[in-house]
C-alpha atoms as a PDB file:
ATOM      1  CA  MET A   1     105.616 103.528 125.098  1.00  0.00           C
ATOM      2  CA  LEU A   2     108.504 105.847 125.916  1.00  0.00           C
ATOM      3  CA  ALA A   3     111.032 103.180 124.965  1.00  0.00           C
ATOM      4  CA  SER A   4     109.235 102.570 121.655  1.00  0.00           C
ATOM      5  CA  LEU A   5     109.125 106.276 120.814  1.00  0.00           C
ATOM      6  CA  THR A   6     112.796 106.520 121.716  1.00  0.00           C
ATOM      7  CA  ALA A   7     113.612 103.587 119.417  1.00  0.00           C
ATOM      8  CA  LEU A   8     111.682 105.169 116.546  1.00  0.00           C
ATOM      9  CA  LEU A   9     113.363 108.530 117.049  1.00  0.00           C
ATOM     10  CA  LEU A  10     116.806 106.922 117.367  1.00  0.00           C
ATOM     11  CA  CYS A  11     116.305 105.169 114.027  1.00  0.00           C
ATOM     12  CA  GLN A  12     115.340 108.508 112.487  1.00  0.00           C
ATOM     13  CA  LEU A  13     118.298 110.243 114.131  1.00  0.00           C
ATOM     14  CA  LEU A  14     120.681 107.567 112.884  1.00  0.00           C
ATOM     15  CA  GLY A  15     119.288 107.974 109.375  1.00  0.00           C
ATOM     16  CA  GLU A  16     119.549 111.783 109.507  1.00  0.00           C
ATOM     17  CA  GLY A  17     123.076 111.608 110.873  1.00  0.00           C
ATOM     18  CA  LEU A  18     124.318 109.246 108.177  1.00  0.00           C
ATOM     19  CA  VAL A  19     122.631 111.209 105.402  1.00  0.00           C
ATOM     20  CA  ARG A  20     124.283 114.431 106.534  1.00  0.00           C
ATOM     21  CA  LEU A  21     127.638 112.801 107.259  1.00  0.00           C
ATOM     22  CA  LEU A  22     127.851 110.916 103.959  1.00  0.00           C
ATOM     23  CA  GLU A  23     125.859 113.495 101.949  1.00  0.00           C
ATOM     24  CA  LEU A  24     123.494 110.817 100.646  1.00  0.00           C
ATOM     25  CA  PRO A  25     120.666 111.784  98.261  1.00  0.00           C
ATOM     26  CA  VAL A  26     118.072 110.074 100.483  1.00  0.00           C
ATOM     27  CA  PRO A  27     115.913 111.674 103.184  1.00  0.00           C
ATOM     28  CA  GLY A  28     117.137 110.811 106.668  1.00  0.00           C
ATOM     29  CA  PRO A  29     113.790 109.450 107.888  1.00  0.00           C
ATOM     30  CA  VAL A  30     113.710 107.049 104.916  1.00  0.00           C
ATOM     31  CA  LEU A  31     117.128 105.684 105.834  1.00  0.00           C
ATOM     32  CA  GLY A  32     116.008 105.493 109.464  1.00  0.00           C
ATOM     33  CA  LEU A  33     112.980 103.496 108.379  1.00  0.00           C
ATOM     34  CA  ALA A  34     115.306 101.126 106.514  1.00  0.00           C
ATOM     35  CA  PHE A  35     117.291 100.660 109.745  1.00  0.00           C
ATOM     36  CA  LEU A  36     114.080  99.925 111.639  1.00  0.00           C
ATOM     37  CA  LEU A  37     113.020  97.448 108.953  1.00  0.00           C
ATOM     38  CA  ALA A  38     116.400  95.721 109.109  1.00  0.00           C
ATOM     39  CA  PHE A  39     116.179  95.490 112.900  1.00  0.00           C
ATOM     40  CA  LEU A  40     112.691  93.997 112.728  1.00  0.00           C
ATOM     41  CA  ALA A  41     113.740  91.577 109.969  1.00  0.00           C
ATOM     42  CA  VAL A  42     116.661  90.319 112.042  1.00  0.00           C
ATOM     43  CA  ARG A  43     114.396  90.034 115.087  1.00  0.00           C
ATOM     44  CA  ARG A  44     111.677  88.352 112.956  1.00  0.00           C
ATOM     45  CA  SER A  45     108.915  89.954 115.005  1.00  0.00           C
ATOM     46  CA  VAL A  46     107.595  93.319 116.102  1.00  0.00           C
ATOM     47  CA  PRO A  47     107.799  93.929 119.851  1.00  0.00           C
ATOM     48  CA  GLY A  48     104.349  94.433 121.386  1.00  0.00           C
ATOM     49  CA  PRO A  49     105.048  97.929 122.769  1.00  0.00           C
ATOM     50  CA  LEU A  50     106.477  99.068 119.421  1.00  0.00           C
ATOM     51  CA  ASN A  51     103.420  97.694 117.635  1.00  0.00           C
ATOM     52  CA  GLN A  52     101.129  99.523 120.067  1.00  0.00           C
ATOM     53  CA  THR A  53     103.048 102.809 119.737  1.00  0.00           C
ATOM     54  CA  ALA A  54     103.138 102.612 115.933  1.00  0.00           C
ATOM     55  CA  GLY A  55      99.407 101.830 115.924  1.00  0.00           C
ATOM     56  CA  GLY A  56      98.753 104.902 118.043  1.00  0.00           C
ATOM     57  CA  LEU A  57     100.775 107.077 115.686  1.00  0.00           C
ATOM     58  CA  LEU A  58      98.960 105.668 112.662  1.00  0.00           C
ATOM     59  CA  HIS A  59      95.623 106.212 114.385  1.00  0.00           C
ATOM     60  CA  HIS A  60      96.385 109.947 114.607  1.00  0.00           C
ATOM     61  CA  LEU A  61      98.126 110.182 111.236  1.00  0.00           C
ATOM     62  CA  SER A  62      95.626 112.745 109.970  1.00  0.00           C
ATOM     63  CA  LEU A  63      97.096 115.306 112.385  1.00  0.00           C
ATOM     64  CA  LEU A  64     100.345 115.166 110.423  1.00  0.00           C
ATOM     65  CA  PHE A  65      98.551 116.554 107.367  1.00  0.00           C
ATOM     66  CA  VAL A  66      97.640 119.820 109.139  1.00  0.00           C
ATOM     67  CA  PRO A  67     101.052 121.455 108.431  1.00  0.00           C
ATOM     68  CA  ALA A  68     100.783 120.447 104.761  1.00  0.00           C
ATOM     69  CA  GLY A  69      97.322 122.020 104.571  1.00  0.00           C
ATOM     70  CA  VAL A  70      98.627 125.227 106.115  1.00  0.00           C
ATOM     71  CA  GLY A  71     101.452 125.263 103.569  1.00  0.00           C
ATOM     72  CA  VAL A  72      98.968 124.910 100.722  1.00  0.00           C
ATOM     73  CA  LEU A  73      96.946 127.825 102.054  1.00  0.00           C
ATOM     74  CA  GLN A  74     100.058 129.971 102.424  1.00  0.00           C
ATOM     75  CA  HIS A  75     101.065 129.336  98.805  1.00  0.00           C
ATOM     76  CA  LEU A  76      97.588 129.473  97.291  1.00  0.00           C
ATOM     77  CA  GLN A  77      98.524 132.354  94.975  1.00  0.00           C
ATOM     78  CA  ARG A  78     101.508 130.447  93.554  1.00  0.00           C
ATOM     79  CA  ILE A  79      99.429 127.286  93.195  1.00  0.00           C
ATOM     80  CA  SER A  80      96.769 129.176  91.256  1.00  0.00           C
ATOM     81  CA  ALA A  81      99.468 130.594  88.959  1.00  0.00           C
ATOM     82  CA  GLU A  82     101.067 127.188  88.310  1.00  0.00           C
ATOM     83  CA  TRP A  83      98.023 124.918  88.516  1.00  0.00           C
ATOM     84  CA  LEU A  84      98.522 123.358  85.087  1.00  0.00           C
ATOM     85  CA  ALA A  85     102.070 122.168  85.820  1.00  0.00           C
ATOM     86  CA  ILE A  86     100.999 120.893  89.243  1.00  0.00           C
ATOM     87  CA  ALA A  87      98.003 119.048  87.788  1.00  0.00           C
ATOM     88  CA  ALA A  88     100.176 117.489  85.059  1.00  0.00           C
ATOM     89  CA  ALA A  89     102.771 116.365  87.602  1.00  0.00           C
ATOM     90  CA  LEU A  90     100.069 114.849  89.801  1.00  0.00           C
ATOM     91  CA  LEU A  91      98.470 113.046  86.876  1.00  0.00           C
ATOM     92  CA  VAL A  92     101.764 111.674  85.533  1.00  0.00           C
ATOM     93  CA  SER A  93     102.914 110.548  88.986  1.00  0.00           C
ATOM     94  CA  ALA A  94      99.567 108.876  89.720  1.00  0.00           C
ATOM     95  CA  VAL A  95      99.624 106.986  86.414  1.00  0.00           C
ATOM     96  CA  ALA A  96     103.274 106.016  86.935  1.00  0.00           C
ATOM     97  CA  THR A  97     102.466 104.736  90.414  1.00  0.00           C
ATOM     98  CA  ILE A  98      99.586 102.634  89.122  1.00  0.00           C
ATOM     99  CA  VAL A  99     101.696 101.200  86.277  1.00  0.00           C
ATOM    100  CA  VAL A 100     104.660 100.369  88.527  1.00  0.00           C
ATOM    101  CA  THR A 101     102.335  98.777  91.097  1.00  0.00           C
ATOM    102  CA  ALA A 102     100.710  96.645  88.392  1.00  0.00           C
ATOM    103  CA  VAL A 103     104.072  95.543  86.972  1.00  0.00           C
ATOM    104  CA  VAL A 104     105.420  94.629  90.407  1.00  0.00           C
ATOM    105  CA  MET A 105     102.203  92.798  91.290  1.00  0.00           C
ATOM    106  CA  ARG A 106     102.284  90.749  88.096  1.00  0.00           C
ATOM    107  CA  ALA A 107     105.942  89.911  88.669  1.00  0.00           C
ATOM    108  CA  MET A 108     105.224  88.840  92.238  1.00  0.00           C
ATOM    109  CA  ILE A 109     102.303  86.670  91.128  1.00  0.00           C
ATOM    110  CA  ARG A 110     104.527  84.965  88.529  1.00  0.00           C
ATOM    111  CA  LEU A 111     107.271  84.525  91.103  1.00  0.00           C
ATOM    112  CA  MET A 112     104.859  83.006  93.602  1.00  0.00           C
ATOM    113  CA  LYS A 113     103.463  80.612  90.965  1.00  0.00           C
ATOM    114  CA  LEU A 114     106.996  79.638  89.967  1.00  0.00           C
ATOM    115  CA  ASP A 115     107.893  79.096  93.606  1.00  0.00           C
ATOM    116  CA  ASP A 116     104.765  76.955  94.133  1.00  0.00           C
ATOM    117  CA  ALA A 117     105.531  74.890  91.010  1.00  0.00           C
ATOM    118  CA  THR A 118     109.128  74.314  92.133  1.00  0.00           C
ATOM    119  CA  GLU A 119     107.918  73.287  95.565  1.00  0.00           C
ATOM    120  CA  GLU A 120     105.394  70.822  94.093  1.00  0.00           C
ATOM    121  CA  GLU A 121     108.106  69.289  91.862  1.00  0.00           C
ATOM    122  CA  ALA A 122     110.343  68.819  94.867  1.00  0.00           C
ATOM    123  CA  ARG A 123     107.568  66.977  96.738  1.00  0.00           C
ATOM    124  CA  GLY A 124     106.439  64.688  93.966  1.00  0.00           C
END
């Protein structure tokens, strides 16, 4: 477990370091996650201990929302003053997420059907 946590934190550290060094407009943990994804793609499997550690972190994911809840409570006065803009941003982002997800899903379904048709032509 310690080795898995170290690997996860090293990926995050590598991402943070490169973002700060190259002044990239991407959060460091996102770049670190990309490094982890690349490592797992090259390896073509997830090591058992890493899978177990990640599962444990996901199991307790709700604890990570406590700081966000505290932040909301600390800024409750500002939120009440700007509730309309916040609600509009949430609504627009939710609709945009649903639309983008639908477009990507339809494209993937078409791609998979095209791939299946090409595969069937190659067989017969």
